[in-house]
């Protein structure tokens, strides 16, 4: 959660304590604080990581590293292994970042 949001909620709570009990502004501010906290809690429950996607795409990154190591070790025409390694890396790197980030997802794990 963002520290600026926590700071804002803290400031709102301090202001709420300073307002008179019978004030309309106090009821409005209390409702605002309640709605903000509820939205934060509900949002945290819905955001997940796709672990199976992370593992799948991390295997592509491992494959890319393996192919480059083999090509460097053997030399010659083995350097052509860098082509599929580049493809595996270009597919895997952004996909790992997408699946590892906390996002709202549907039942299939795809970002919403």
PDB file of N, CA and C in Angstrom:
ATOM      1  N   UNK A   1       0.839  -1.164   0.000  1.00  0.00           N
ATOM      2  CA  UNK A   1       0.000   0.000   0.000  1.00  0.00           C
ATOM      3  C   UNK A   1       0.893   1.237   0.000  1.00  0.00           C
ATOM      4  N   UNK A   2       0.426   2.277  -0.595  1.00  0.00           N
ATOM      5  CA  UNK A   2       1.196   3.503  -0.753  1.00  0.00           C
ATOM      6  C   UNK A   2       1.285   4.247   0.581  1.00  0.00           C
ATOM      7  N   UNK A   3       2.483   4.727   0.910  1.00  0.00           N
ATOM      8  CA  UNK A   3       2.666   5.429   2.174  1.00  0.00           C
ATOM      9  C   UNK A   3       1.936   6.766   2.178  1.00  0.00           C
ATOM     10  N   UNK A   4       1.768   7.381   1.011  1.00  0.00           N
ATOM     11  CA  UNK A   4       1.043   8.654   0.973  1.00  0.00           C
ATOM     12  C   UNK A   4      -0.431   8.441   1.318  1.00  0.00           C
ATOM     13  N   UNK A   5      -0.988   7.308   0.936  1.00  0.00           N
ATOM     14  CA  UNK A   5      -2.376   7.007   1.276  1.00  0.00           C
ATOM     15  C   UNK A   5      -2.512   6.780   2.780  1.00  0.00           C
ATOM     16  N   UNK A   6      -1.551   6.079   3.371  1.00  0.00           N
ATOM     17  CA  UNK A   6      -1.571   5.882   4.826  1.00  0.00           C
ATOM     18  C   UNK A   6      -1.430   7.205   5.561  1.00  0.00           C
ATOM     19  N   UNK A   7      -0.557   8.064   5.051  1.00  0.00           N
ATOM     20  CA  UNK A   7      -0.362   9.373   5.671  1.00  0.00           C
ATOM     21  C   UNK A   7      -1.644  10.198   5.578  1.00  0.00           C
ATOM     22  N   UNK A   8      -2.304  10.134   4.432  1.00  0.00           N
ATOM     23  CA  UNK A   8      -3.553  10.866   4.249  1.00  0.00           C
ATOM     24  C   UNK A   8      -4.635  10.356   5.197  1.00  0.00           C
ATOM     25  N   UNK A   9      -4.724   9.032   5.337  1.00  0.00           N
ATOM     26  CA  UNK A   9      -5.703   8.470   6.270  1.00  0.00           C
ATOM     27  C   UNK A   9      -5.394   8.875   7.704  1.00  0.00           C
ATOM     28  N   UNK A  10      -4.115   8.906   8.064  1.00  0.00           N
ATOM     29  CA  UNK A  10      -3.715   9.303   9.401  1.00  0.00           C
ATOM     30  C   UNK A  10      -4.082  10.760   9.672  1.00  0.00           C
ATOM     31  N   UNK A  11      -3.826  11.609   8.689  1.00  0.00           N
ATOM     32  CA  UNK A  11      -4.181  13.021   8.840  1.00  0.00           C
ATOM     33  C   UNK A  11      -5.688  13.199   8.946  1.00  0.00           C
ATOM     34  N   UNK A  12      -6.445  12.436   8.142  1.00  0.00           N
ATOM     35  CA  UNK A  12      -7.904  12.503   8.221  1.00  0.00           C
ATOM     36  C   UNK A  12      -8.408  12.056   9.589  1.00  0.00           C
ATOM     37  N   UNK A  13      -7.789  11.015  10.150  1.00  0.00           N
ATOM     38  CA  UNK A  13      -8.196  10.531  11.472  1.00  0.00           C
ATOM     39  C   UNK A  13      -7.889  11.564  12.547  1.00  0.00           C
ATOM     40  N   UNK A  14      -6.757  12.245  12.433  1.00  0.00           N
ATOM     41  CA  UNK A  14      -6.423  13.299  13.395  1.00  0.00           C
ATOM     42  C   UNK A  14      -7.414  14.450  13.294  1.00  0.00           C
ATOM     43  N   UNK A  15      -7.766  14.817  12.075  1.00  0.00           N
ATOM     44  CA  UNK A  15      -8.736  15.884  11.874  1.00  0.00           C
ATOM     45  C   UNK A  15     -10.105  15.469  12.409  1.00  0.00           C
ATOM     46  N   UNK A  16     -10.461  14.220  12.223  1.00  0.00           N
ATOM     47  CA  UNK A  16     -11.738  13.703  12.715  1.00  0.00           C
ATOM     48  C   UNK A  16     -11.819  13.840  14.237  1.00  0.00           C
ATOM     49  N   UNK A  17     -10.727  13.579  14.924  1.00  0.00           N
ATOM     50  CA  UNK A  17     -10.711  13.678  16.379  1.00  0.00           C
ATOM     51  C   UNK A  17     -10.863  15.121  16.855  1.00  0.00           C
ATOM     52  N   UNK A  18     -10.463  16.088  16.039  1.00  0.00           N
ATOM     53  CA  UNK A  18     -10.538  17.493  16.434  1.00  0.00           C
ATOM     54  C   UNK A  18     -11.920  18.105  16.208  1.00  0.00           C
ATOM     55  N   UNK A  19     -12.718  17.506  15.354  1.00  0.00           N
ATOM     56  CA  UNK A  19     -14.033  18.076  15.041  1.00  0.00           C
ATOM     57  C   UNK A  19     -15.020  17.817  16.181  1.00  0.00           C
ATOM     58  N   UNK A  20     -15.972  18.731  16.364  1.00  0.00           N
ATOM     59  CA  UNK A  20     -16.995  18.530  17.400  1.00  0.00           C
ATOM     60  C   UNK A  20     -17.898  17.333  17.068  1.00  0.00           C
ATOM     61  N   UNK A  21     -18.424  16.691  18.103  1.00  0.00           N
ATOM     62  CA  UNK A  21     -19.219  15.472  17.937  1.00  0.00           C
ATOM     63  C   UNK A  21     -20.471  15.680  17.083  1.00  0.00           C
ATOM     64  N   UNK A  22     -21.121  16.827  17.225  1.00  0.00           N
ATOM     65  CA  UNK A  22     -22.391  17.044  16.524  1.00  0.00           C
ATOM     66  C   UNK A  22     -22.195  17.684  15.142  1.00  0.00           C
ATOM     67  N   UNK A  23     -20.986  17.724  14.646  1.00  0.00           N
ATOM     68  CA  UNK A  23     -20.676  18.373  13.377  1.00  0.00           C
ATOM     69  C   UNK A  23     -21.040  17.483  12.185  1.00  0.00           C
ATOM     70  N   UNK A  24     -21.633  18.100  11.179  1.00  0.00           N
ATOM     71  CA  UNK A  24     -21.946  17.399   9.928  1.00  0.00           C
ATOM     72  C   UNK A  24     -20.652  17.007   9.206  1.00  0.00           C
ATOM     73  N   UNK A  25     -19.639  17.866   9.312  1.00  0.00           N
ATOM     74  CA  UNK A  25     -18.350  17.582   8.677  1.00  0.00           C
ATOM     75  C   UNK A  25     -17.717  16.334   9.278  1.00  0.00           C
ATOM     76  N   UNK A  26     -17.931  16.095  10.569  1.00  0.00           N
ATOM     77  CA  UNK A  26     -17.362  14.913  11.214  1.00  0.00           C
ATOM     78  C   UNK A  26     -18.002  13.644  10.652  1.00  0.00           C
ATOM     79  N   UNK A  27     -19.310  13.664  10.433  1.00  0.00           N
ATOM     80  CA  UNK A  27     -19.991  12.490   9.858  1.00  0.00           C
ATOM     81  C   UNK A  27     -19.528  12.244   8.421  1.00  0.00           C
ATOM     82  N   UNK A  28     -19.363  13.319   7.657  1.00  0.00           N
ATOM     83  CA  UNK A  28     -18.915  13.180   6.260  1.00  0.00           C
ATOM     84  C   UNK A  28     -17.488  12.647   6.215  1.00  0.00           C
ATOM     85  N   UNK A  29     -16.607  13.191   7.062  1.00  0.00           N
ATOM     86  CA  UNK A  29     -15.213  12.738   7.091  1.00  0.00           C
ATOM     87  C   UNK A  29     -15.109  11.294   7.574  1.00  0.00           C
ATOM     88  N   UNK A  30     -15.921  10.919   8.554  1.00  0.00           N
ATOM     89  CA  UNK A  30     -15.916   9.535   9.041  1.00  0.00           C
ATOM     90  C   UNK A  30     -16.371   8.574   7.940  1.00  0.00           C
ATOM     91  N   UNK A  31     -17.366   8.961   7.171  1.00  0.00           N
ATOM     92  CA  UNK A  31     -17.831   8.120   6.055  1.00  0.00           C
ATOM     93  C   UNK A  31     -16.753   8.005   4.983  1.00  0.00           C
ATOM     94  N   UNK A  32     -16.034   9.100   4.738  1.00  0.00           N
ATOM     95  CA  UNK A  32     -14.946   9.078   3.753  1.00  0.00           C
ATOM     96  C   UNK A  32     -13.825   8.145   4.204  1.00  0.00           C
ATOM     97  N   UNK A  33     -13.434   8.235   5.466  1.00  0.00           N
ATOM     98  CA  UNK A  33     -12.385   7.366   5.998  1.00  0.00           C
ATOM     99  C   UNK A  33     -12.825   5.908   5.916  1.00  0.00           C
ATOM    100  N   UNK A  34     -14.067   5.649   6.300  1.00  0.00           N
ATOM    101  CA  UNK A  34     -14.597   4.282   6.251  1.00  0.00           C
ATOM    102  C   UNK A  34     -14.585   3.737   4.826  1.00  0.00           C
ATOM    103  N   UNK A  35     -15.003   4.539   3.864  1.00  0.00           N
ATOM    104  CA  UNK A  35     -15.033   4.093   2.466  1.00  0.00           C
ATOM    105  C   UNK A  35     -13.621   3.848   1.932  1.00  0.00           C
ATOM    106  N   UNK A  36     -12.684   4.694   2.309  1.00  0.00           N
ATOM    107  CA  UNK A  36     -11.302   4.526   1.850  1.00  0.00           C
ATOM    108  C   UNK A  36     -10.681   3.255   2.410  1.00  0.00           C
ATOM    109  N   UNK A  37     -10.879   3.011   3.685  1.00  0.00           N
ATOM    110  CA  UNK A  37     -10.342   1.790   4.303  1.00  0.00           C
ATOM    111  C   UNK A  37     -10.986   0.558   3.694  1.00  0.00           C
ATOM    112  N   UNK A  38     -12.294   0.603   3.475  1.00  0.00           N
ATOM    113  CA  UNK A  38     -12.991  -0.532   2.866  1.00  0.00           C
ATOM    114  C   UNK A  38     -12.459  -0.820   1.463  1.00  0.00           C
ATOM    115  N   UNK A  39     -12.203   0.242   0.681  1.00  0.00           N
ATOM    116  CA  UNK A  39     -11.675   0.059  -0.675  1.00  0.00           C
ATOM    117  C   UNK A  39     -10.270  -0.530  -0.640  1.00  0.00           C
ATOM    118  N   UNK A  40      -9.448  -0.109   0.308  1.00  0.00           N
ATOM    119  CA  UNK A  40      -8.092  -0.642   0.431  1.00  0.00           C
ATOM    120  C   UNK A  40      -8.147  -2.121   0.772  1.00  0.00           C
ATOM    121  N   UNK A  41      -8.961  -2.484   1.747  1.00  0.00           N
ATOM    122  CA  UNK A  41      -9.047  -3.878   2.184  1.00  0.00           C
ATOM    123  C   UNK A  41      -9.592  -4.762   1.072  1.00  0.00           C
ATOM    124  N   UNK A  42     -10.628  -4.326   0.389  1.00  0.00           N
ATOM    125  CA  UNK A  42     -11.187  -5.123  -0.701  1.00  0.00           C
ATOM    126  C   UNK A  42     -10.205  -5.246  -1.854  1.00  0.00           C
ATOM    127  N   UNK A  43      -9.460  -4.188  -2.147  1.00  0.00           N
ATOM    128  CA  UNK A  43      -8.493  -4.211  -3.238  1.00  0.00           C
ATOM    129  C   UNK A  43      -7.329  -5.140  -2.951  1.00  0.00           C
ATOM    130  N   UNK A  44      -6.898  -5.218  -1.699  1.00  0.00           N
ATOM    131  CA  UNK A  44      -5.796  -6.111  -1.355  1.00  0.00           C
ATOM    132  C   UNK A  44      -6.212  -7.561  -1.484  1.00  0.00           C
ATOM    133  N   UNK A  45      -7.456  -7.850  -1.183  1.00  0.00           N
ATOM    134  CA  UNK A  45      -7.937  -9.227  -1.272  1.00  0.00           C
ATOM    135  C   UNK A  45      -8.031  -9.698  -2.712  1.00  0.00           C
ATOM    136  N   UNK A  46      -8.290  -8.793  -3.631  1.00  0.00           N
ATOM    137  CA  UNK A  46      -8.510  -9.165  -5.024  1.00  0.00           C
ATOM    138  C   UNK A  46      -7.219  -9.262  -5.835  1.00  0.00           C
ATOM    139  N   UNK A  47      -6.155  -8.622  -5.401  1.00  0.00           N
ATOM    140  CA  UNK A  47      -4.925  -8.598  -6.187  1.00  0.00           C
ATOM    141  C   UNK A  47      -4.078  -9.820  -5.862  1.00  0.00           C
ATOM    142  N   UNK A  48      -3.659 -10.531  -6.915  1.00  0.00           N
ATOM    143  CA  UNK A  48      -2.877 -11.748  -6.721  1.00  0.00           C
ATOM    144  C   UNK A  48      -1.740 -11.805  -7.739  1.00  0.00           C
ATOM    145  N   UNK A  49      -0.851 -12.760  -7.517  1.00  0.00           N
ATOM    146  CA  UNK A  49       0.200 -13.079  -8.478  1.00  0.00           C
ATOM    147  C   UNK A  49      -0.167 -14.398  -9.136  1.00  0.00           C
ATOM    148  N   UNK A  50       0.278 -14.599 -10.363  1.00  0.00           N
ATOM    149  CA  UNK A  50       0.034 -15.860 -11.071  1.00  0.00           C
ATOM    150  C   UNK A  50       1.297 -16.708 -10.958  1.00  0.00           C
ATOM    151  N   UNK A  51       1.363 -17.549  -9.922  1.00  0.00           N
ATOM    152  CA  UNK A  51       2.559 -18.327  -9.652  1.00  0.00           C
ATOM    153  C   UNK A  51       2.867 -19.315 -10.762  1.00  0.00           C
ATOM    154  N   UNK A  52       1.851 -19.964 -11.302  1.00  0.00           N
ATOM    155  CA  UNK A  52       2.108 -20.927 -12.381  1.00  0.00           C
ATOM    156  C   UNK A  52       2.669 -20.217 -13.608  1.00  0.00           C
ATOM    157  N   UNK A  53       2.187 -19.024 -13.902  1.00  0.00           N
ATOM    158  CA  UNK A  53       2.727 -18.252 -15.017  1.00  0.00           C
ATOM    159  C   UNK A  53       4.158 -17.827 -14.773  1.00  0.00           C
ATOM    160  N   UNK A  54       4.459 -17.427 -13.548  1.00  0.00           N
ATOM    161  CA  UNK A  54       5.828 -17.029 -13.215  1.00  0.00           C
ATOM    162  C   UNK A  54       6.778 -18.203 -13.416  1.00  0.00           C
ATOM    163  N   UNK A  55       6.395 -19.379 -12.925  1.00  0.00           N
ATOM    164  CA  UNK A  55       7.258 -20.551 -13.067  1.00  0.00           C
ATOM    165  C   UNK A  55       7.422 -20.953 -14.528  1.00  0.00           C
ATOM    166  N   UNK A  56       6.327 -20.905 -15.293  1.00  0.00           N
ATOM    167  CA  UNK A  56       6.397 -21.265 -16.707  1.00  0.00           C
ATOM    168  C   UNK A  56       7.337 -20.340 -17.463  1.00  0.00           C
ATOM    169  N   UNK A  57       7.149 -19.032 -17.289  1.00  0.00           N
ATOM    170  CA  UNK A  57       7.976 -18.085 -18.042  1.00  0.00           C
ATOM    171  C   UNK A  57       9.400 -18.013 -17.495  1.00  0.00           C
ATOM    172  N   UNK A  58       9.593 -18.298 -16.216  1.00  0.00           N
ATOM    173  CA  UNK A  58      10.953 -18.362 -15.671  1.00  0.00           C
ATOM    174  C   UNK A  58      11.717 -19.529 -16.298  1.00  0.00           C
ATOM    175  N   UNK A  59      10.999 -20.596 -16.657  1.00  0.00           N
ATOM    176  CA  UNK A  59      11.670 -21.704 -17.350  1.00  0.00           C
ATOM    177  C   UNK A  59      12.153 -21.260 -18.730  1.00  0.00           C
ATOM    178  N   UNK A  60      11.444 -20.357 -19.385  1.00  0.00           N
ATOM    179  CA  UNK A  60      11.912 -19.804 -20.653  1.00  0.00           C
ATOM    180  C   UNK A  60      13.199 -19.016 -20.449  1.00  0.00           C
ATOM    181  N   UNK A  61      13.260 -18.248 -19.357  1.00  0.00           N
ATOM    182  CA  UNK A  61      14.481 -17.494 -19.072  1.00  0.00           C
ATOM    183  C   UNK A  61      15.642 -18.440 -18.778  1.00  0.00           C
ATOM    184  N   UNK A  62      15.369 -19.511 -18.032  1.00  0.00           N
ATOM    185  CA  UNK A  62      16.418 -20.490 -17.745  1.00  0.00           C
ATOM    186  C   UNK A  62      16.882 -21.165 -19.033  1.00  0.00           C
ATOM    187  N   UNK A  63      15.956 -21.471 -19.929  1.00  0.00           N
ATOM    188  CA  UNK A  63      16.307 -22.065 -21.211  1.00  0.00           C
ATOM    189  C   UNK A  63      17.194 -21.113 -22.011  1.00  0.00           C
ATOM    190  N   UNK A  64      16.856 -19.836 -22.016  1.00  0.00           N
ATOM    191  CA  UNK A  64      17.653 -18.848 -22.749  1.00  0.00           C
ATOM    192  C   UNK A  64      19.076 -18.784 -22.198  1.00  0.00           C
ATOM    193  N   UNK A  65      19.212 -18.764 -20.894  1.00  0.00           N
ATOM    194  CA  UNK A  65      20.545 -18.728 -20.281  1.00  0.00           C
ATOM    195  C   UNK A  65      21.313 -20.002 -20.630  1.00  0.00           C
ATOM    196  N   UNK A  66      20.658 -21.146 -20.552  1.00  0.00           N
ATOM    197  CA  UNK A  66      21.303 -22.415 -20.876  1.00  0.00           C
ATOM    198  C   UNK A  66      21.808 -22.426 -22.319  1.00  0.00           C
ATOM    199  N   UNK A  67      20.988 -21.971 -23.254  1.00  0.00           N
ATOM    200  CA  UNK A  67      21.395 -21.962 -24.658  1.00  0.00           C
ATOM    201  C   UNK A  67      22.586 -21.046 -24.901  1.00  0.00           C
ATOM    202  N   UNK A  68      22.621 -19.910 -24.248  1.00  0.00           N
ATOM    203  CA  UNK A  68      23.753 -18.996 -24.416  1.00  0.00           C
ATOM    204  C   UNK A  68      25.017 -19.596 -23.803  1.00  0.00           C
ATOM    205  N   UNK A  69      24.893 -20.259 -22.673  1.00  0.00           N
ATOM    206  CA  UNK A  69      26.058 -20.884 -22.048  1.00  0.00           C
ATOM    207  C   UNK A  69      26.613 -21.990 -22.942  1.00  0.00           C
ATOM    208  N   UNK A  70      25.728 -22.815 -23.524  1.00  0.00           N
ATOM    209  CA  UNK A  70      26.172 -23.874 -24.437  1.00  0.00           C
ATOM    210  C   UNK A  70      26.853 -23.266 -25.655  1.00  0.00           C
ATOM    211  N   UNK A  71      26.267 -22.214 -26.213  1.00  0.00           N
ATOM    212  CA  UNK A  71      26.850 -21.569 -27.394  1.00  0.00           C
ATOM    213  C   UNK A  71      28.224 -20.984 -27.072  1.00  0.00           C
ATOM    214  N   UNK A  72      28.366 -20.374 -25.911  1.00  0.00           N
ATOM    215  CA  UNK A  72      29.651 -19.788 -25.539  1.00  0.00           C
ATOM    216  C   UNK A  72      30.700 -20.871 -25.291  1.00  0.00           C
ATOM    217  N   UNK A  73      30.263 -21.985 -24.744  1.00  0.00           N
ATOM    218  CA  UNK A  73      31.193 -23.068 -24.439  1.00  0.00           C
ATOM    219  C   UNK A  73      31.691 -23.760 -25.707  1.00  0.00           C
ATOM    220  N   UNK A  74      30.803 -23.976 -26.658  1.00  0.00           N
ATOM    221  CA  UNK A  74      31.157 -24.762 -27.850  1.00  0.00           C
ATOM    222  C   UNK A  74      31.690 -23.908 -28.998  1.00  0.00           C
ATOM    223  N   UNK A  75      31.233 -22.669 -29.107  1.00  0.00           N
ATOM    224  CA  UNK A  75      31.716 -21.791 -30.176  1.00  0.00           C
ATOM    225  C   UNK A  75      31.253 -22.241 -31.557  1.00  0.00           C
ATOM    226  N   UNK A  76      31.849 -21.672 -32.588  1.00  0.00           N
ATOM    227  CA  UNK A  76      31.537 -22.043 -33.972  1.00  0.00           C
ATOM    228  C   UNK A  76      30.067 -21.822 -34.305  1.00  0.00           C
ATOM    229  N   UNK A  77      29.479 -22.804 -34.995  1.00  0.00           N
ATOM    230  CA  UNK A  77      28.076 -22.702 -35.391  1.00  0.00           C
ATOM    231  C   UNK A  77      27.113 -22.797 -34.210  1.00  0.00           C
ATOM    232  N   UNK A  78      27.621 -23.199 -33.064  1.00  0.00           N
ATOM    233  CA  UNK A  78      26.783 -23.281 -31.883  1.00  0.00           C
ATOM    234  C   UNK A  78      26.262 -21.899 -31.473  1.00  0.00           C
ATOM    235  N   UNK A  79      26.923 -20.830 -31.972  1.00  0.00           N
ATOM    236  CA  UNK A  79      26.444 -19.489 -31.651  1.00  0.00           C
ATOM    237  C   UNK A  79      25.059 -19.234 -32.219  1.00  0.00           C
ATOM    238  N   UNK A  80      24.616 -20.062 -33.157  1.00  0.00           N
ATOM    239  CA  UNK A  80      23.264 -19.921 -33.684  1.00  0.00           C
ATOM    240  C   UNK A  80      22.201 -20.221 -32.614  1.00  0.00           C
ATOM    241  N   UNK A  81      22.613 -20.875 -31.546  1.00  0.00           N
ATOM    242  CA  UNK A  81      21.681 -21.108 -30.439  1.00  0.00           C
ATOM    243  C   UNK A  81      21.256 -19.808 -29.759  1.00  0.00           C
ATOM    244  N   UNK A  82      21.996 -18.746 -30.015  1.00  0.00           N
ATOM    245  CA  UNK A  82      21.623 -17.458 -29.426  1.00  0.00           C
ATOM    246  C   UNK A  82      20.326 -16.921 -30.023  1.00  0.00           C
ATOM    247  N   UNK A  83      19.970 -17.348 -31.236  1.00  0.00           N
ATOM    248  CA  UNK A  83      18.712 -16.893 -31.845  1.00  0.00           C
ATOM    249  C   UNK A  83      17.495 -17.408 -31.085  1.00  0.00           C
ATOM    250  N   UNK A  84      17.369 -18.725 -30.858  1.00  0.00           N
ATOM    251  CA  UNK A  84      16.226 -19.161 -30.050  1.00  0.00           C
ATOM    252  C   UNK A  84      16.326 -18.672 -28.596  1.00  0.00           C
ATOM    253  N   UNK A  85      17.556 -18.467 -28.113  1.00  0.00           N
ATOM    254  CA  UNK A  85      17.714 -17.934 -26.760  1.00  0.00           C
ATOM    255  C   UNK A  85      17.143 -16.523 -26.676  1.00  0.00           C
ATOM    256  N   UNK A  86      17.388 -15.723 -27.710  1.00  0.00           N
ATOM    257  CA  UNK A  86      16.855 -14.359 -27.726  1.00  0.00           C
ATOM    258  C   UNK A  86      15.328 -14.372 -27.772  1.00  0.00           C
ATOM    259  N   UNK A  87      14.770 -15.279 -28.567  1.00  0.00           N
ATOM    260  CA  UNK A  87      13.303 -15.379 -28.642  1.00  0.00           C
ATOM    261  C   UNK A  87      12.735 -15.784 -27.280  1.00  0.00           C
ATOM    262  N   UNK A  88      13.354 -16.788 -26.644  1.00  0.00           N
ATOM    263  CA  UNK A  88      12.887 -17.239 -25.334  1.00  0.00           C
ATOM    264  C   UNK A  88      12.980 -16.112 -24.310  1.00  0.00           C
ATOM    265  N   UNK A  89      14.072 -15.348 -24.371  1.00  0.00           N
ATOM    266  CA  UNK A  89      14.245 -14.245 -23.431  1.00  0.00           C
ATOM    267  C   UNK A  89      13.214 -13.145 -23.686  1.00  0.00           C
ATOM    268  N   UNK A  90      13.002 -12.801 -24.963  1.00  0.00           N
ATOM    269  CA  UNK A  90      12.051 -11.737 -25.285  1.00  0.00           C
ATOM    270  C   UNK A  90      10.611 -12.117 -24.938  1.00  0.00           C
ATOM    271  N   UNK A  91      10.298 -13.399 -24.990  1.00  0.00           N
ATOM    272  CA  UNK A  91       8.971 -13.850 -24.567  1.00  0.00           C
ATOM    273  C   UNK A  91       8.872 -13.949 -23.046  1.00  0.00           C
ATOM    274  N   UNK A  92       9.919 -14.431 -22.408  1.00  0.00           N
ATOM    275  CA  UNK A  92       9.865 -14.725 -20.984  1.00  0.00           C
ATOM    276  C   UNK A  92       9.972 -13.529 -20.066  1.00  0.00           C
ATOM    277  N   UNK A  93      10.841 -12.590 -20.387  1.00  0.00           N
ATOM    278  CA  UNK A  93      11.093 -11.473 -19.468  1.00  0.00           C
ATOM    279  C   UNK A  93       9.845 -10.624 -19.202  1.00  0.00           C
ATOM    280  N   UNK A  94       9.147 -10.146 -20.233  1.00  0.00           N
ATOM    281  CA  UNK A  94       7.958  -9.344 -19.931  1.00  0.00           C
ATOM    282  C   UNK A  94       6.843 -10.172 -19.289  1.00  0.00           C
ATOM    283  N   UNK A  95       6.746 -11.443 -19.668  1.00  0.00           N
ATOM    284  CA  UNK A  95       5.688 -12.287 -19.121  1.00  0.00           C
ATOM    285  C   UNK A  95       5.912 -12.564 -17.635  1.00  0.00           C
ATOM    286  N   UNK A  96       7.156 -12.768 -17.230  1.00  0.00           N
ATOM    287  CA  UNK A  96       7.447 -12.972 -15.808  1.00  0.00           C
ATOM    288  C   UNK A  96       7.067 -11.720 -15.021  1.00  0.00           C
ATOM    289  N   UNK A  97       7.421 -10.553 -15.543  1.00  0.00           N
ATOM    290  CA  UNK A  97       7.083  -9.306 -14.852  1.00  0.00           C
ATOM    291  C   UNK A  97       5.576  -9.127 -14.742  1.00  0.00           C
ATOM    292  N   UNK A  98       4.838  -9.474 -15.786  1.00  0.00           N
ATOM    293  CA  UNK A  98       3.383  -9.336 -15.760  1.00  0.00           C
ATOM    294  C   UNK A  98       2.763 -10.298 -14.751  1.00  0.00           C
ATOM    295  N   UNK A  99       3.217 -11.542 -14.746  1.00  0.00           N
ATOM    296  CA  UNK A  99       2.617 -12.534 -13.862  1.00  0.00           C
ATOM    297  C   UNK A  99       3.057 -12.361 -12.412  1.00  0.00           C
ATOM    298  N   UNK A 100       4.228 -11.768 -12.174  1.00  0.00           N
ATOM    299  CA  UNK A 100       4.720 -11.599 -10.814  1.00  0.00           C
ATOM    300  C   UNK A 100       4.130 -10.371 -10.131  1.00  0.00           C
ATOM    301  N   UNK A 101       3.592  -9.441 -10.889  1.00  0.00           N
ATOM    302  CA  UNK A 101       3.055  -8.230 -10.280  1.00  0.00           C
ATOM    303  C   UNK A 101       1.681  -8.499  -9.678  1.00  0.00           C
ATOM    304  N   UNK A 102       1.384  -7.795  -8.598  1.00  0.00           N
ATOM    305  CA  UNK A 102       0.075  -7.904  -7.959  1.00  0.00           C
ATOM    306  C   UNK A 102      -0.947  -7.185  -8.823  1.00  0.00           C
ATOM    307  N   UNK A 103      -1.919  -7.938  -9.310  1.00  0.00           N
ATOM    308  CA  UNK A 103      -2.959  -7.371 -10.164  1.00  0.00           C
ATOM    309  C   UNK A 103      -4.270  -8.063  -9.889  1.00  0.00           C
ATOM    310  N   UNK A 104      -5.334  -7.413 -10.260  1.00  0.00           N
ATOM    311  CA  UNK A 104      -6.634  -8.082 -10.218  1.00  0.00           C
ATOM    312  C   UNK A 104      -6.682  -9.046 -11.386  1.00  0.00           C
ATOM    313  N   UNK A 105      -7.151 -10.265 -11.139  1.00  0.00           N
ATOM    314  CA  UNK A 105      -7.160 -11.301 -12.158  1.00  0.00           C
ATOM    315  C   UNK A 105      -8.512 -11.993 -12.207  1.00  0.00           C
ATOM    316  N   UNK A 106      -8.820 -12.555 -13.385  1.00  0.00           N
ATOM    317  CA  UNK A 106     -10.049 -13.344 -13.496  1.00  0.00           C
ATOM    318  C   UNK A 106      -9.771 -14.769 -13.000  1.00  0.00           C
ATOM    319  N   UNK A 107     -10.753 -15.644 -13.123  1.00  0.00           N
ATOM    320  CA  UNK A 107     -10.614 -17.013 -12.609  1.00  0.00           C
ATOM    321  C   UNK A 107      -9.493 -17.780 -13.295  1.00  0.00           C
ATOM    322  N   UNK A 108      -9.171 -17.436 -14.541  1.00  0.00           N
ATOM    323  CA  UNK A 108      -8.109 -18.105 -15.281  1.00  0.00           C
ATOM    324  C   UNK A 108      -6.725 -17.551 -15.004  1.00  0.00           C
ATOM    325  N   UNK A 109      -6.615 -16.508 -14.184  1.00  0.00           N
ATOM    326  CA  UNK A 109      -5.327 -15.928 -13.859  1.00  0.00           C
ATOM    327  C   UNK A 109      -4.901 -14.800 -14.783  1.00  0.00           C
ATOM    328  N   UNK A 110      -5.745 -14.469 -15.762  1.00  0.00           N
ATOM    329  CA  UNK A 110      -5.405 -13.396 -16.695  1.00  0.00           C
ATOM    330  C   UNK A 110      -5.718 -12.035 -16.065  1.00  0.00           C
ATOM    331  N   UNK A 111      -4.860 -11.030 -16.305  1.00  0.00           N
ATOM    332  CA  UNK A 111      -5.113  -9.700 -15.736  1.00  0.00           C
ATOM    333  C   UNK A 111      -6.432  -9.121 -16.239  1.00  0.00           C
ATOM    334  N   UNK A 112      -7.132  -8.452 -15.340  1.00  0.00           N
ATOM    335  CA  UNK A 112      -8.413  -7.828 -15.695  1.00  0.00           C
ATOM    336  C   UNK A 112      -8.172  -6.375 -15.974  1.00  0.00           C
TER     337      UNK A 112
END
